[in-house]
C-alpha atoms as a PDB file:
ATOM      1  CA  MET A   1      87.298 100.895  86.338  1.00  0.00           C
ATOM      2  CA  LEU A   2      85.717 100.969  89.758  1.00  0.00           C
ATOM      3  CA  LYS A   3      86.970 103.092  92.605  1.00  0.00           C
ATOM      4  CA  TYR A   4      86.212 101.912  96.125  1.00  0.00           C
ATOM      5  CA  GLU A   5      86.675 103.028  99.700  1.00  0.00           C
ATOM      6  CA  TYR A   6      86.960 101.031 102.896  1.00  0.00           C
ATOM      7  CA  ASP A   7      87.577 101.567 106.602  1.00  0.00           C
ATOM      8  CA  HIS A   8      91.338 101.252 107.119  1.00  0.00           C
ATOM      9  CA  ASN A   9      90.746 100.338 110.762  1.00  0.00           C
ATOM     10  CA  VAL A  10      88.959  97.092 109.902  1.00  0.00           C
ATOM     11  CA  ILE A  11      90.434  95.962 106.562  1.00  0.00           C
ATOM     12  CA  GLN A  12      93.464  96.575 104.365  1.00  0.00           C
ATOM     13  CA  VAL A  13      93.203  96.104 100.608  1.00  0.00           C
ATOM     14  CA  ASN A  14      96.105  96.245  98.161  1.00  0.00           C
ATOM     15  CA  GLU A  15      95.419  95.788  94.457  1.00  0.00           C
ATOM     16  CA  ILE A  16      98.062  94.923  91.855  1.00  0.00           C
ATOM     17  CA  GLU A  17      97.531  94.417  88.131  1.00  0.00           C
ATOM     18  CA  ASN A  18      99.070  91.142  86.995  1.00  0.00           C
ATOM     19  CA  GLY A  19      98.683  90.539  83.263  1.00  0.00           C
ATOM     20  CA  ASN A  20      95.107  89.399  82.581  1.00  0.00           C
ATOM     21  CA  ASP A  21      94.352  89.256  86.297  1.00  0.00           C
ATOM     22  CA  VAL A  22      94.127  91.591  89.238  1.00  0.00           C
ATOM     23  CA  GLU A  23      95.700  90.413  92.470  1.00  0.00           C
ATOM     24  CA  PHE A  24      94.333  91.549  95.795  1.00  0.00           C
ATOM     25  CA  ARG A  25      95.996  91.305  99.188  1.00  0.00           C
ATOM     26  CA  ILE A  26      93.264  91.582 101.796  1.00  0.00           C
ATOM     27  CA  HIS A  27      93.959  91.652 105.515  1.00  0.00           C
ATOM     28  CA  ILE A  28      90.997  91.549 107.889  1.00  0.00           C
ATOM     29  CA  LEU A  29      91.983  93.569 110.964  1.00  0.00           C
ATOM     30  CA  GLN A  30      88.705  93.352 112.858  1.00  0.00           C
ATOM     31  CA  GLU A  31      87.180  89.876 112.952  1.00  0.00           C
ATOM     32  CA  GLU A  32      83.503  90.673 113.533  1.00  0.00           C
ATOM     33  CA  PRO A  33      81.635  90.879 111.175  1.00  0.00           C
ATOM     34  CA  TYR A  34      84.285  91.264 108.469  1.00  0.00           C
ATOM     35  CA  LEU A  35      85.831  87.807 108.676  1.00  0.00           C
ATOM     36  CA  ASP A  36      82.428  86.283 107.998  1.00  0.00           C
ATOM     37  CA  GLY A  37      82.005  88.709 105.077  1.00  0.00           C
ATOM     38  CA  ILE A  38      85.199  87.636 103.295  1.00  0.00           C
ATOM     39  CA  LYS A  39      84.214  83.993 103.773  1.00  0.00           C
ATOM     40  CA  LYS A  40      80.859  84.724 102.105  1.00  0.00           C
ATOM     41  CA  VAL A  41      82.682  86.363  99.179  1.00  0.00           C
ATOM     42  CA  GLN A  42      84.862  83.289  98.821  1.00  0.00           C
ATOM     43  CA  LYS A  43      81.870  80.966  98.968  1.00  0.00           C
ATOM     44  CA  GLU A  44      80.017  82.999  96.322  1.00  0.00           C
ATOM     45  CA  PHE A  45      82.790  82.485  93.781  1.00  0.00           C
ATOM     46  CA  GLU A  46      83.625  78.912  94.744  1.00  0.00           C
ATOM     47  CA  GLU A  47      80.023  77.806  94.240  1.00  0.00           C
ATOM     48  CA  ASN A  48      79.487  79.304  90.793  1.00  0.00           C
ATOM     49  CA  ASP A  49      80.114  77.422  87.549  1.00  0.00           C
ATOM     50  CA  VAL A  50      83.391  79.182  86.617  1.00  0.00           C
ATOM     51  CA  TYR A  51      86.378  77.663  88.405  1.00  0.00           C
ATOM     52  CA  THR A  52      88.993  80.227  87.383  1.00  0.00           C
ATOM     53  CA  ASP A  53      87.101  83.493  87.911  1.00  0.00           C
ATOM     54  CA  VAL A  54      88.374  84.240  91.430  1.00  0.00           C
ATOM     55  CA  LEU A  55      90.997  82.187  93.261  1.00  0.00           C
ATOM     56  CA  PHE A  56      91.461  82.511  97.024  1.00  0.00           C
ATOM     57  CA  TYR A  57      94.635  81.742  98.972  1.00  0.00           C
ATOM     58  CA  ILE A  58      94.234  81.934 102.733  1.00  0.00           C
ATOM     59  CA  TYR A  59      97.117  82.766 105.069  1.00  0.00           C
ATOM     60  CA  ALA A  60      97.522  83.097 108.828  1.00  0.00           C
ATOM     61  CA  SER A  61      96.257  86.171 110.682  1.00  0.00           C
ATOM     62  CA  HIS A  62      93.214  86.622 108.423  1.00  0.00           C
ATOM     63  CA  GLU A  63      95.222  87.484 105.325  1.00  0.00           C
ATOM     64  CA  TYR A  64      93.969  86.594 101.851  1.00  0.00           C
ATOM     65  CA  ARG A  65      95.569  86.651  98.437  1.00  0.00           C
ATOM     66  CA  VAL A  66      92.850  86.786  95.823  1.00  0.00           C
ATOM     67  CA  ILE A  67      93.496  86.497  92.097  1.00  0.00           C
ATOM     68  CA  VAL A  68      90.629  87.856  90.025  1.00  0.00           C
ATOM     69  CA  ARG A  69      90.279  87.445  86.276  1.00  0.00           C
ATOM     70  CA  ARG A  70      89.858  90.877  84.735  1.00  0.00           C
ATOM     71  CA  ASP A  71      86.427  89.997  83.323  1.00  0.00           C
ATOM     72  CA  TYR A  72      85.228  89.259  86.891  1.00  0.00           C
ATOM     73  CA  TYR A  73      86.745  92.360  88.490  1.00  0.00           C
ATOM     74  CA  GLU A  74      83.449  94.249  88.784  1.00  0.00           C
ATOM     75  CA  ASP A  75      81.653  91.181  90.145  1.00  0.00           C
ATOM     76  CA  PHE A  76      84.325  90.745  92.807  1.00  0.00           C
ATOM     77  CA  ILE A  77      84.292  94.406  93.886  1.00  0.00           C
ATOM     78  CA  LEU A  78      80.488  94.457  94.031  1.00  0.00           C
ATOM     79  CA  GLU A  79      80.466  91.261  96.104  1.00  0.00           C
ATOM     80  CA  LEU A  80      82.895  92.892  98.557  1.00  0.00           C
ATOM     81  CA  MET A  81      80.456  95.796  98.755  1.00  0.00           C
ATOM     82  CA  LYS A  82      77.484  93.470  99.190  1.00  0.00           C
ATOM     83  CA  GLN A  83      79.215  91.835 102.157  1.00  0.00           C
ATOM     84  CA  ARG A  84      79.948  95.299 103.629  1.00  0.00           C
ATOM     85  CA  LEU A  85      83.703  94.981 103.353  1.00  0.00           C
ATOM     86  CA  LEU A  86      83.750  98.201 101.348  1.00  0.00           C
ATOM     87  CA  GLN A  87      82.116 101.498 102.283  1.00  0.00           C
ATOM     88  CA  SER A  88      81.509 102.836  98.782  1.00  0.00           C
ATOM     89  CA  VAL A  89      81.978 101.915  95.117  1.00  0.00           C
ATOM     90  CA  LYS A  90      81.784 104.254  92.135  1.00  0.00           C
ATOM     91  CA  TRP A  91      82.835 104.373  88.522  1.00  0.00           C
ATOM     92  CA  SER A  92      86.024 106.338  87.887  1.00  0.00           C
ATOM     93  CA  GLU A  93      86.966 108.049  84.663  1.00  0.00           C
END
């Protein structure tokens, strides 16, 4: 499992296990440059060949519900890091 950290002043992330999936509630608090970052994460998974790996639901006020298949969990977390939405990622025991 990966452990990650983020700046609570710019983004809120809640993670809930849901059977074979992991559900994220992500709220972008500071638009620039983080709103663009979450859109790039969404685009990355929408443009790959697997349609059910990561599903995005967009709500008002820059809130996102993201359902991630467990076998794509690491890919999703690392993409958040790549887009600088997270500050650090490390393996936990």
